[in-house]
PDB file of N, CA and C in Angstrom:
ATOM      1  N   MET A   1     -58.830 -16.124 -11.975  1.00  0.00           N
ATOM      2  CA  MET A   1     -58.214 -15.601 -11.829  1.00  0.00           C
ATOM      3  C   MET A   1     -56.746 -16.212 -11.408  1.00  0.00           C
ATOM      4  N   SER A   2     -56.616 -17.079 -10.103  1.00  0.00           N
ATOM      5  CA  SER A   2     -56.490 -17.775  -9.792  1.00  0.00           C
ATOM      6  C   SER A   2     -55.422 -18.705 -10.386  1.00  0.00           C
ATOM      7  N   HIS A   3     -56.365 -19.422 -11.639  1.00  0.00           N
ATOM      8  CA  HIS A   3     -55.021 -19.614 -12.496  1.00  0.00           C
ATOM      9  C   HIS A   3     -53.715 -19.614 -12.871  1.00  0.00           C
ATOM     10  N   LEU A   4     -54.345 -18.104 -13.290  1.00  0.00           N
ATOM     11  CA  LEU A   4     -53.549 -16.703 -14.129  1.00  0.00           C
ATOM     12  C   LEU A   4     -52.064 -16.658 -13.305  1.00  0.00           C
ATOM     13  N   VAL A   5     -53.080 -16.390 -11.846  1.00  0.00           N
ATOM     14  CA  VAL A   5     -51.490 -16.122 -11.083  1.00  0.00           C
ATOM     15  C   VAL A   5     -50.622 -17.753 -11.361  1.00  0.00           C
ATOM     16  N   ALA A   6     -50.900 -18.904 -10.748  1.00  0.00           N
ATOM     17  CA  ALA A   6     -50.705 -20.122 -10.911  1.00  0.00           C
ATOM     18  C   ALA A   6     -49.986 -20.037 -11.957  1.00  0.00           C
ATOM     19  N   LEU A   7     -50.290 -19.913 -13.063  1.00  0.00           N
ATOM     20  CA  LEU A   7     -49.859 -19.877 -15.151  1.00  0.00           C
ATOM     21  C   LEU A   7     -48.241 -19.250 -14.685  1.00  0.00           C
ATOM     22  N   THR A   8     -48.480 -17.729 -13.923  1.00  0.00           N
ATOM     23  CA  THR A   8     -47.690 -16.886 -14.015  1.00  0.00           C
ATOM     24  C   THR A   8     -46.436 -17.238 -13.667  1.00  0.00           C
ATOM     25  N   VAL A   9     -46.218 -17.675 -12.318  1.00  0.00           N
ATOM     26  CA  VAL A   9     -45.547 -18.221 -11.354  1.00  0.00           C
ATOM     27  C   VAL A   9     -44.814 -19.164 -12.201  1.00  0.00           C
ATOM     28  N   VAL A  10     -45.887 -20.143 -11.844  1.00  0.00           N
ATOM     29  CA  VAL A  10     -44.970 -21.391 -12.815  1.00  0.00           C
ATOM     30  C   VAL A  10     -43.779 -20.587 -14.181  1.00  0.00           C
ATOM     31  N   LEU A  11     -44.054 -20.438 -15.699  1.00  0.00           N
ATOM     32  CA  LEU A  11     -43.719 -19.759 -16.221  1.00  0.00           C
ATOM     33  C   LEU A  11     -42.520 -18.876 -16.120  1.00  0.00           C
ATOM     34  N   THR A  12     -42.648 -18.204 -14.827  1.00  0.00           N
ATOM     35  CA  THR A  12     -41.739 -17.280 -14.444  1.00  0.00           C
ATOM     36  C   THR A  12     -40.661 -18.096 -14.249  1.00  0.00           C
ATOM     37  N   ALA A  13     -41.086 -18.922 -12.861  1.00  0.00           N
ATOM     38  CA  ALA A  13     -39.637 -19.601 -12.544  1.00  0.00           C
ATOM     39  C   ALA A  13     -39.355 -21.065 -13.490  1.00  0.00           C
ATOM     40  N   ALA A  14     -39.766 -21.042 -14.342  1.00  0.00           N
ATOM     41  CA  ALA A  14     -38.675 -22.011 -15.912  1.00  0.00           C
ATOM     42  C   ALA A  14     -37.967 -21.140 -16.530  1.00  0.00           C
ATOM     43  N   LEU A  15     -38.622 -20.060 -16.730  1.00  0.00           N
ATOM     44  CA  LEU A  15     -37.517 -18.972 -17.148  1.00  0.00           C
ATOM     45  C   LEU A  15     -36.594 -18.094 -16.465  1.00  0.00           C
ATOM     46  N   LEU A  16     -36.362 -18.396 -14.895  1.00  0.00           N
ATOM     47  CA  LEU A  16     -35.137 -18.154 -14.232  1.00  0.00           C
ATOM     48  C   LEU A  16     -34.229 -19.229 -14.161  1.00  0.00           C
ATOM     49  N   LEU A  17     -35.361 -20.256 -13.959  1.00  0.00           N
ATOM     50  CA  LEU A  17     -34.100 -21.088 -13.514  1.00  0.00           C
ATOM     51  C   LEU A  17     -32.865 -21.790 -14.364  1.00  0.00           C
ATOM     52  N   PRO A  18     -33.052 -21.139 -15.124  1.00  0.00           N
ATOM     53  CA  PRO A  18     -31.681 -21.209 -16.001  1.00  0.00           C
ATOM     54  C   PRO A  18     -30.544 -20.602 -15.422  1.00  0.00           C
ATOM     55  N   LEU A  19     -31.432 -18.889 -15.887  1.00  0.00           N
ATOM     56  CA  LEU A  19     -30.214 -17.776 -14.896  1.00  0.00           C
ATOM     57  C   LEU A  19     -30.348 -18.423 -13.520  1.00  0.00           C
ATOM     58  N   THR A  20     -30.418 -19.254 -12.598  1.00  0.00           N
ATOM     59  CA  THR A  20     -29.451 -19.377 -10.749  1.00  0.00           C
ATOM     60  C   THR A  20     -28.774 -20.245 -11.797  1.00  0.00           C
ATOM     61  N   ALA A  21     -29.050 -21.338 -11.990  1.00  0.00           N
ATOM     62  CA  ALA A  21     -28.542 -22.211 -12.604  1.00  0.00           C
ATOM     63  C   ALA A  21     -26.943 -22.131 -13.300  1.00  0.00           C
ATOM     64  N   ALA A  22     -27.073 -21.272 -13.649  1.00  0.00           N
ATOM     65  CA  ALA A  22     -25.584 -20.137 -14.954  1.00  0.00           C
ATOM     66  C   ALA A  22     -25.112 -19.341 -13.920  1.00  0.00           C
ATOM     67  N   ALA A  23     -25.751 -19.056 -12.778  1.00  0.00           N
ATOM     68  CA  ALA A  23     -25.043 -18.234 -11.675  1.00  0.00           C
ATOM     69  C   ALA A  23     -24.333 -18.918 -10.487  1.00  0.00           C
ATOM     70  N   ASP A  24     -24.773 -19.967 -10.355  1.00  0.00           N
ATOM     71  CA  ASP A  24     -23.892 -21.202  -9.554  1.00  0.00           C
ATOM     72  C   ASP A  24     -22.873 -21.794 -10.132  1.00  0.00           C
ATOM     73  N   ALA A  25     -22.811 -21.738 -11.106  1.00  0.00           N
ATOM     74  CA  ALA A  25     -21.928 -22.837 -11.764  1.00  0.00           C
ATOM     75  C   ALA A  25     -20.173 -22.502 -11.715  1.00  0.00           C
ATOM     76  N   PRO A  26     -19.656 -23.023 -11.343  1.00  0.00           N
ATOM     77  CA  PRO A  26     -18.364 -22.692 -11.359  1.00  0.00           C
ATOM     78  C   PRO A  26     -17.756 -21.702 -12.684  1.00  0.00           C
ATOM     79  N   ARG A  27     -17.082 -21.488 -13.047  1.00  0.00           N
ATOM     80  CA  ARG A  27     -16.502 -19.981 -14.281  1.00  0.00           C
ATOM     81  C   ARG A  27     -14.924 -20.793 -14.763  1.00  0.00           C
ATOM     82  N   GLY A  28     -15.209 -20.734 -15.188  1.00  0.00           N
ATOM     83  CA  GLY A  28     -13.777 -21.882 -16.195  1.00  0.00           C
ATOM     84  C   GLY A  28     -12.945 -20.526 -15.787  1.00  0.00           C
ATOM     85  N   ASP A  29     -12.296 -19.452 -16.123  1.00  0.00           N
ATOM     86  CA  ASP A  29     -11.422 -19.212 -16.003  1.00  0.00           C
ATOM     87  C   ASP A  29     -11.028 -18.617 -14.438  1.00  0.00           C
ATOM     88  N   LYS A  30     -12.048 -18.530 -13.138  1.00  0.00           N
ATOM     89  CA  LYS A  30     -12.423 -17.542 -12.142  1.00  0.00           C
ATOM     90  C   LYS A  30     -11.208 -19.105 -11.400  1.00  0.00           C
ATOM     91  N   GLY A  31     -12.401 -20.503 -11.700  1.00  0.00           N
ATOM     92  CA  GLY A  31     -11.939 -21.383 -11.172  1.00  0.00           C
ATOM     93  C   GLY A  31     -10.445 -21.999 -11.342  1.00  0.00           C
ATOM     94  N   SER A  32      -9.793 -21.878 -13.195  1.00  0.00           N
ATOM     95  CA  SER A  32      -8.211 -22.031 -12.591  1.00  0.00           C
ATOM     96  C   SER A  32      -7.494 -21.238 -12.587  1.00  0.00           C
ATOM     97  N   ALA A  33      -7.991 -20.290 -12.300  1.00  0.00           N
ATOM     98  CA  ALA A  33      -6.826 -18.874 -11.846  1.00  0.00           C
ATOM     99  C   ALA A  33      -7.365 -19.632 -10.230  1.00  0.00           C
ATOM    100  N   ALA A  34      -8.218 -19.615  -9.581  1.00  0.00           N
ATOM    101  CA  ALA A  34      -7.975 -20.355  -8.488  1.00  0.00           C
ATOM    102  C   ALA A  34      -6.446 -21.200  -7.864  1.00  0.00           C
ATOM    103  N   ALA A  35      -6.718 -22.144  -9.098  1.00  0.00           N
ATOM    104  CA  ALA A  35      -6.579 -23.553  -8.976  1.00  0.00           C
ATOM    105  C   ALA A  35      -4.702 -23.300  -9.277  1.00  0.00           C
ATOM    106  N   SER A  36      -4.537 -22.193 -10.007  1.00  0.00           N
ATOM    107  CA  SER A  36      -2.853 -22.101 -10.254  1.00  0.00           C
ATOM    108  C   SER A  36      -2.432 -20.967  -9.003  1.00  0.00           C
ATOM    109  N   ALA A  37      -3.544 -20.092  -8.496  1.00  0.00           N
ATOM    110  CA  ALA A  37      -3.146 -20.027  -7.101  1.00  0.00           C
ATOM    111  C   ALA A  37      -2.408 -20.581  -6.394  1.00  0.00           C
ATOM    112  N   GLY A  38      -2.484 -22.213  -5.381  1.00  0.00           N
ATOM    113  CA  GLY A  38      -2.746 -22.859  -5.117  1.00  0.00           C
ATOM    114  C   GLY A  38      -1.399 -23.655  -5.417  1.00  0.00           C
ATOM    115  N   SER A  39      -0.853 -23.622  -6.542  1.00  0.00           N
ATOM    116  CA  SER A  39       0.322 -23.635  -7.622  1.00  0.00           C
ATOM    117  C   SER A  39       1.249 -22.868  -7.584  1.00  0.00           C
ATOM    118  N   ALA A  40       1.110 -21.939  -7.506  1.00  0.00           N
ATOM    119  CA  ALA A  40       2.422 -20.881  -7.849  1.00  0.00           C
ATOM    120  C   ALA A  40       3.526 -21.432  -6.745  1.00  0.00           C
ATOM    121  N   ARG A  41       4.512 -21.042  -7.832  1.00  0.00           N
ATOM    122  CA  ARG A  41       5.176 -20.907  -7.061  1.00  0.00           C
ATOM    123  C   ARG A  41       6.073 -20.060  -5.717  1.00  0.00           C
ATOM    124  N   ILE A  42       6.617 -20.402  -4.570  1.00  0.00           N
ATOM    125  CA  ILE A  42       7.073 -19.570  -3.912  1.00  0.00           C
ATOM    126  C   ILE A  42       8.330 -18.759  -4.038  1.00  0.00           C
ATOM    127  N   ASN A  43       8.607 -18.099  -3.271  1.00  0.00           N
ATOM    128  CA  ASN A  43      10.139 -17.857  -3.496  1.00  0.00           C
ATOM    129  C   ASN A  43      10.478 -17.249  -1.498  1.00  0.00           C
ATOM    130  N   ILE A  44      11.316 -18.565  -1.834  1.00  0.00           N
ATOM    131  CA  ILE A  44      11.348 -18.703   0.720  1.00  0.00           C
ATOM    132  C   ILE A  44      12.127 -17.447  -0.045  1.00  0.00           C
ATOM    133  N   ASN A  45      13.244 -16.550  -0.497  1.00  0.00           N
ATOM    134  CA  ASN A  45      13.917 -15.795  -0.022  1.00  0.00           C
ATOM    135  C   ASN A  45      13.139 -14.554  -0.154  1.00  0.00           C
ATOM    136  N   THR A  46      12.220 -14.359  -0.664  1.00  0.00           N
ATOM    137  CA  THR A  46      11.298 -13.344  -1.009  1.00  0.00           C
ATOM    138  C   THR A  46       9.765 -12.936   0.023  1.00  0.00           C
ATOM    139  N   ALA A  47       9.096 -14.083   0.117  1.00  0.00           N
ATOM    140  CA  ALA A  47       7.922 -14.083   0.760  1.00  0.00           C
ATOM    141  C   ALA A  47       8.163 -13.883   1.946  1.00  0.00           C
ATOM    142  N   GLY A  48       6.943 -12.708   2.058  1.00  0.00           N
ATOM    143  CA  GLY A  48       6.425 -12.734   3.495  1.00  0.00           C
ATOM    144  C   GLY A  48       5.304 -13.604   4.110  1.00  0.00           C
ATOM    145  N   VAL A  49       5.318 -13.540   5.283  1.00  0.00           N
ATOM    146  CA  VAL A  49       4.332 -14.505   5.940  1.00  0.00           C
ATOM    147  C   VAL A  49       3.332 -14.912   5.581  1.00  0.00           C
ATOM    148  N   LYS A  50       2.284 -14.124   4.941  1.00  0.00           N
ATOM    149  CA  LYS A  50       1.046 -14.370   3.854  1.00  0.00           C
ATOM    150  C   LYS A  50       1.350 -15.262   3.159  1.00  0.00           C
ATOM    151  N   GLU A  51       2.271 -15.186   2.364  1.00  0.00           N
ATOM    152  CA  GLU A  51       2.699 -15.837   1.343  1.00  0.00           C
ATOM    153  C   GLU A  51       3.176 -16.755   1.820  1.00  0.00           C
ATOM    154  N   LEU A  52       3.732 -17.317   2.672  1.00  0.00           N
ATOM    155  CA  LEU A  52       4.426 -18.059   3.000  1.00  0.00           C
ATOM    156  C   LEU A  52       3.393 -19.223   3.709  1.00  0.00           C
ATOM    157  N   MET A  53       2.610 -18.865   4.159  1.00  0.00           N
ATOM    158  CA  MET A  53       1.096 -19.536   4.659  1.00  0.00           C
ATOM    159  C   MET A  53       0.478 -19.982   3.391  1.00  0.00           C
ATOM    160  N   THR A  54       0.434 -19.844   2.400  1.00  0.00           N
ATOM    161  CA  THR A  54      -0.212 -20.508   1.455  1.00  0.00           C
ATOM    162  C   THR A  54       0.353 -21.227   1.087  1.00  0.00           C
ATOM    163  N   LEU A  55       1.736 -21.679   1.302  1.00  0.00           N
ATOM    164  CA  LEU A  55       2.186 -23.372   1.007  1.00  0.00           C
ATOM    165  C   LEU A  55       1.025 -24.770   2.025  1.00  0.00           C
ATOM    166  N   GLY A  56       1.043 -25.793   2.174  1.00  0.00           N
ATOM    167  CA  GLY A  56       0.159 -26.829   2.535  1.00  0.00           C
ATOM    168  C   GLY A  56       0.727 -27.022   3.983  1.00  0.00           C
ATOM    169  N   GLY A  57       0.126 -27.074   5.122  1.00  0.00           N
ATOM    170  CA  GLY A  57       0.955 -26.925   6.494  1.00  0.00           C
ATOM    171  C   GLY A  57       1.870 -26.655   6.652  1.00  0.00           C
ATOM    172  N   VAL A  58       1.813 -24.522   6.489  1.00  0.00           N
ATOM    173  CA  VAL A  58       2.863 -23.602   6.861  1.00  0.00           C
ATOM    174  C   VAL A  58       1.214 -22.936   7.672  1.00  0.00           C
ATOM    175  N   GLY A  59       1.820 -22.978   8.435  1.00  0.00           N
ATOM    176  CA  GLY A  59       0.823 -21.519   9.401  1.00  0.00           C
ATOM    177  C   GLY A  59       2.123 -19.933  10.100  1.00  0.00           C
ATOM    178  N   ARG A  60       0.482 -19.035  10.530  1.00  0.00           N
ATOM    179  CA  ARG A  60       1.698 -18.288  10.961  1.00  0.00           C
ATOM    180  C   ARG A  60       2.858 -18.675  11.488  1.00  0.00           C
ATOM    181  N   SER A  61       3.001 -19.648  12.746  1.00  0.00           N
ATOM    182  CA  SER A  61       4.189 -19.544  13.639  1.00  0.00           C
ATOM    183  C   SER A  61       5.397 -20.202  13.045  1.00  0.00           C
ATOM    184  N   LEU A  62       4.717 -21.121  12.039  1.00  0.00           N
ATOM    185  CA  LEU A  62       6.337 -21.565  11.008  1.00  0.00           C
ATOM    186  C   LEU A  62       7.092 -20.499  10.221  1.00  0.00           C
ATOM    187  N   ALA A  63       5.276 -19.925   9.836  1.00  0.00           N
ATOM    188  CA  ALA A  63       5.632 -19.391   8.805  1.00  0.00           C
ATOM    189  C   ALA A  63       6.667 -18.177   9.590  1.00  0.00           C
ATOM    190  N   GLU A  64       6.406 -17.769  10.087  1.00  0.00           N
ATOM    191  CA  GLU A  64       7.747 -16.225  11.036  1.00  0.00           C
ATOM    192  C   GLU A  64       8.603 -17.545  11.590  1.00  0.00           C
ATOM    193  N   LYS A  65       8.546 -18.211  11.946  1.00  0.00           N
ATOM    194  CA  LYS A  65      10.662 -19.147  12.370  1.00  0.00           C
ATOM    195  C   LYS A  65      11.437 -19.150  10.170  1.00  0.00           C
ATOM    196  N   ILE A  66      10.448 -19.338   9.633  1.00  0.00           N
ATOM    197  CA  ILE A  66      11.142 -19.420   8.766  1.00  0.00           C
ATOM    198  C   ILE A  66      11.911 -18.280   7.717  1.00  0.00           C
ATOM    199  N   VAL A  67      10.867 -16.917   8.612  1.00  0.00           N
ATOM    200  CA  VAL A  67      11.745 -14.868   8.018  1.00  0.00           C
ATOM    201  C   VAL A  67      12.146 -15.502   9.193  1.00  0.00           C
ATOM    202  N   LYS A  68      12.239 -15.443  10.482  1.00  0.00           N
ATOM    203  CA  LYS A  68      13.705 -15.060  11.029  1.00  0.00           C
ATOM    204  C   LYS A  68      14.710 -15.940  10.707  1.00  0.00           C
ATOM    205  N   HIS A  69      15.472 -17.037  10.365  1.00  0.00           N
ATOM    206  CA  HIS A  69      15.650 -17.921  10.009  1.00  0.00           C
ATOM    207  C   HIS A  69      16.709 -17.174   8.487  1.00  0.00           C
ATOM    208  N   ARG A  70      15.539 -17.031   7.880  1.00  0.00           N
ATOM    209  CA  ARG A  70      16.256 -15.381   6.651  1.00  0.00           C
ATOM    210  C   ARG A  70      16.713 -14.813   7.756  1.00  0.00           C
ATOM    211  N   ASP A  71      15.799 -13.853   8.011  1.00  0.00           N
ATOM    212  CA  ASP A  71      16.627 -12.750   8.218  1.00  0.00           C
ATOM    213  C   ASP A  71      18.119 -13.129   9.038  1.00  0.00           C
ATOM    214  N   ALA A  72      17.757 -14.374   9.778  1.00  0.00           N
ATOM    215  CA  ALA A  72      18.970 -14.635  10.885  1.00  0.00           C
ATOM    216  C   ALA A  72      19.991 -15.304  10.209  1.00  0.00           C
ATOM    217  N   HIS A  73      20.231 -16.075   9.170  1.00  0.00           N
ATOM    218  CA  HIS A  73      22.005 -16.876   8.503  1.00  0.00           C
ATOM    219  C   HIS A  73      21.194 -16.596   6.767  1.00  0.00           C
ATOM    220  N   GLY A  74      20.568 -15.364   6.431  1.00  0.00           N
ATOM    221  CA  GLY A  74      20.951 -14.947   4.808  1.00  0.00           C
ATOM    222  C   GLY A  74      20.009 -15.375   3.920  1.00  0.00           C
ATOM    223  N   PRO A  75      20.197 -15.095   2.409  1.00  0.00           N
ATOM    224  CA  PRO A  75      18.942 -16.080   2.219  1.00  0.00           C
ATOM    225  C   PRO A  75      19.340 -17.320   1.733  1.00  0.00           C
ATOM    226  N   PHE A  76      18.099 -18.120   1.811  1.00  0.00           N
ATOM    227  CA  PHE A  76      18.250 -19.409   0.928  1.00  0.00           C
ATOM    228  C   PHE A  76      19.317 -19.801  -0.421  1.00  0.00           C
ATOM    229  N   LYS A  77      19.906 -21.071  -0.089  1.00  0.00           N
ATOM    230  CA  LYS A  77      21.160 -20.513  -1.634  1.00  0.00           C
ATOM    231  C   LYS A  77      20.583 -21.776  -2.109  1.00  0.00           C
ATOM    232  N   LYS A  78      19.742 -22.692  -1.726  1.00  0.00           N
ATOM    233  CA  LYS A  78      18.266 -24.112  -2.624  1.00  0.00           C
ATOM    234  C   LYS A  78      17.384 -24.486  -2.239  1.00  0.00           C
ATOM    235  N   PRO A  79      16.255 -25.183  -2.632  1.00  0.00           N
ATOM    236  CA  PRO A  79      15.198 -25.138  -2.075  1.00  0.00           C
ATOM    237  C   PRO A  79      15.268 -25.902  -1.082  1.00  0.00           C
ATOM    238  N   GLU A  80      15.613 -26.792  -1.381  1.00  0.00           N
ATOM    239  CA  GLU A  80      15.997 -27.605   0.439  1.00  0.00           C
ATOM    240  C   GLU A  80      16.688 -27.361   1.947  1.00  0.00           C
ATOM    241  N   ASP A  81      17.444 -25.971   1.323  1.00  0.00           N
ATOM    242  CA  ASP A  81      17.895 -25.729   3.085  1.00  0.00           C
ATOM    243  C   ASP A  81      16.462 -25.244   3.338  1.00  0.00           C
ATOM    244  N   LEU A  82      15.360 -25.146   2.882  1.00  0.00           N
ATOM    245  CA  LEU A  82      14.151 -24.688   4.203  1.00  0.00           C
ATOM    246  C   LEU A  82      14.380 -25.397   4.545  1.00  0.00           C
ATOM    247  N   ARG A  83      14.802 -26.937   4.900  1.00  0.00           N
ATOM    248  CA  ARG A  83      14.574 -28.084   6.094  1.00  0.00           C
ATOM    249  C   ARG A  83      15.305 -28.036   7.031  1.00  0.00           C
ATOM    250  N   ARG A  84      16.263 -26.864   7.228  1.00  0.00           N
ATOM    251  CA  ARG A  84      17.112 -26.168   7.891  1.00  0.00           C
ATOM    252  C   ARG A  84      16.114 -25.731   9.324  1.00  0.00           C
ATOM    253  N   VAL A  85      15.181 -25.572   8.644  1.00  0.00           N
ATOM    254  CA  VAL A  85      14.318 -24.731  10.058  1.00  0.00           C
ATOM    255  C   VAL A  85      13.042 -25.010  10.545  1.00  0.00           C
ATOM    256  N   GLU A  86      13.581 -25.114  11.830  1.00  0.00           N
ATOM    257  CA  GLU A  86      12.887 -26.351  12.351  1.00  0.00           C
ATOM    258  C   GLU A  86      10.963 -26.022  12.797  1.00  0.00           C
ATOM    259  N   GLY A  87      10.703 -27.343  12.073  1.00  0.00           N
ATOM    260  CA  GLY A  87       8.787 -27.400  12.369  1.00  0.00           C
ATOM    261  C   GLY A  87       9.221 -27.788  10.505  1.00  0.00           C
ATOM    262  N   VAL A  88       9.595 -27.527   9.830  1.00  0.00           N
ATOM    263  CA  VAL A  88       9.936 -27.753   8.124  1.00  0.00           C
ATOM    264  C   VAL A  88      10.325 -29.490   8.896  1.00  0.00           C
ATOM    265  N   GLY A  89       9.641 -30.494   8.607  1.00  0.00           N
ATOM    266  CA  GLY A  89       9.812 -31.781   8.376  1.00  0.00           C
ATOM    267  C   GLY A  89      10.030 -32.649   6.895  1.00  0.00           C
ATOM    268  N   ASP A  90      10.334 -34.354   7.005  1.00  0.00           N
ATOM    269  CA  ASP A  90      10.729 -34.637   5.795  1.00  0.00           C
ATOM    270  C   ASP A  90       8.584 -34.490   4.958  1.00  0.00           C
ATOM    271  N   ALA A  91       7.679 -34.467   5.835  1.00  0.00           N
ATOM    272  CA  ALA A  91       6.317 -34.484   5.033  1.00  0.00           C
ATOM    273  C   ALA A  91       6.074 -33.256   4.316  1.00  0.00           C
ATOM    274  N   LEU A  92       5.827 -31.648   5.357  1.00  0.00           N
ATOM    275  CA  LEU A  92       6.105 -31.314   4.661  1.00  0.00           C
ATOM    276  C   LEU A  92       6.672 -30.602   3.277  1.00  0.00           C
ATOM    277  N   TRP A  93       7.609 -30.122   3.870  1.00  0.00           N
ATOM    278  CA  TRP A  93       8.667 -30.604   2.190  1.00  0.00           C
ATOM    279  C   TRP A  93       8.466 -31.395   1.316  1.00  0.00           C
ATOM    280  N   GLU A  94       7.589 -32.497   1.317  1.00  0.00           N
ATOM    281  CA  GLU A  94       8.362 -33.221   0.067  1.00  0.00           C
ATOM    282  C   GLU A  94       6.590 -32.513  -0.270  1.00  0.00           C
ATOM    283  N   LYS A  95       5.212 -32.626   0.343  1.00  0.00           N
ATOM    284  CA  LYS A  95       3.702 -31.829   0.031  1.00  0.00           C
ATOM    285  C   LYS A  95       4.084 -30.577  -0.765  1.00  0.00           C
ATOM    286  N   ASN A  96       5.125 -29.942  -0.380  1.00  0.00           N
ATOM    287  CA  ASN A  96       4.832 -28.383  -1.046  1.00  0.00           C
ATOM    288  C   ASN A  96       6.498 -28.545  -1.952  1.00  0.00           C
ATOM    289  N   ARG A  97       7.100 -29.381  -2.223  1.00  0.00           N
ATOM    290  CA  ARG A  97       8.344 -29.085  -2.995  1.00  0.00           C
ATOM    291  C   ARG A  97       8.990 -29.086  -4.390  1.00  0.00           C
ATOM    292  N   THR A  98       7.625 -29.259  -4.918  1.00  0.00           N
ATOM    293  CA  THR A  98       7.829 -28.727  -6.481  1.00  0.00           C
ATOM    294  C   THR A  98       7.127 -27.140  -6.014  1.00  0.00           C
ATOM    295  N   ARG A  99       6.336 -26.959  -4.876  1.00  0.00           N
ATOM    296  CA  ARG A  99       6.256 -24.970  -4.935  1.00  0.00           C
ATOM    297  C   ARG A  99       7.147 -24.462  -4.568  1.00  0.00           C
ATOM    298  N   ILE A 100       8.051 -24.782  -4.160  1.00  0.00           N
ATOM    299  CA  ILE A 100       9.262 -23.531  -3.147  1.00  0.00           C
ATOM    300  C   ILE A 100      10.246 -23.383  -4.247  1.00  0.00           C
ATOM    301  N   GLY A 101      10.465 -21.861  -4.357  1.00  0.00           N
ATOM    302  CA  GLY A 101      11.963 -22.043  -4.454  1.00  0.00           C
ATOM    303  C   GLY A 101      12.905 -20.682  -4.455  1.00  0.00           C
ATOM    304  N   VAL A 102      13.852 -20.541  -5.124  1.00  0.00           N
ATOM    305  CA  VAL A 102      14.939 -19.493  -4.880  1.00  0.00           C
ATOM    306  C   VAL A 102      15.425 -18.836  -6.201  1.00  0.00           C
ATOM    307  N   LYS A 103      15.521 -17.422  -5.705  1.00  0.00           N
ATOM    308  CA  LYS A 103      15.649 -16.797  -7.377  1.00  0.00           C
ATOM    309  C   LYS A 103      17.327 -16.040  -6.159  1.00  0.00           C
TER     310      LYS A 103
END
C-alpha cells in the first residue's frame, strides 16, 4: 500500500510541475507593459508628484520642487527648462532626457 501512495505522490508532482513552472514564468504582455511604463514620456507641465517620481533619480522632495517651480514660474517651454529646478543636475537630465516632454 505504501508503494501505491508513493507512486501517487510522484505522479501528482510530475503532473503539477509544468503548471507551477508556467505560473512562475513572466508573461509577455504584462512584462512588456511594465517595461514600457518605465519608459513612458512624462509631460513635466501636467505631471503630478507621483508621476514625476517615476523618473530615475527623482524622489518626493525633488518632484515637489519641480511642481513648485512650475507653479511659481509657469509652464516649461522646452524639456531642457527642467534643468532650472534646483536639484536637477546633468546626470539626472541625461538619465531621463528621452522621457521628459512638454505640451
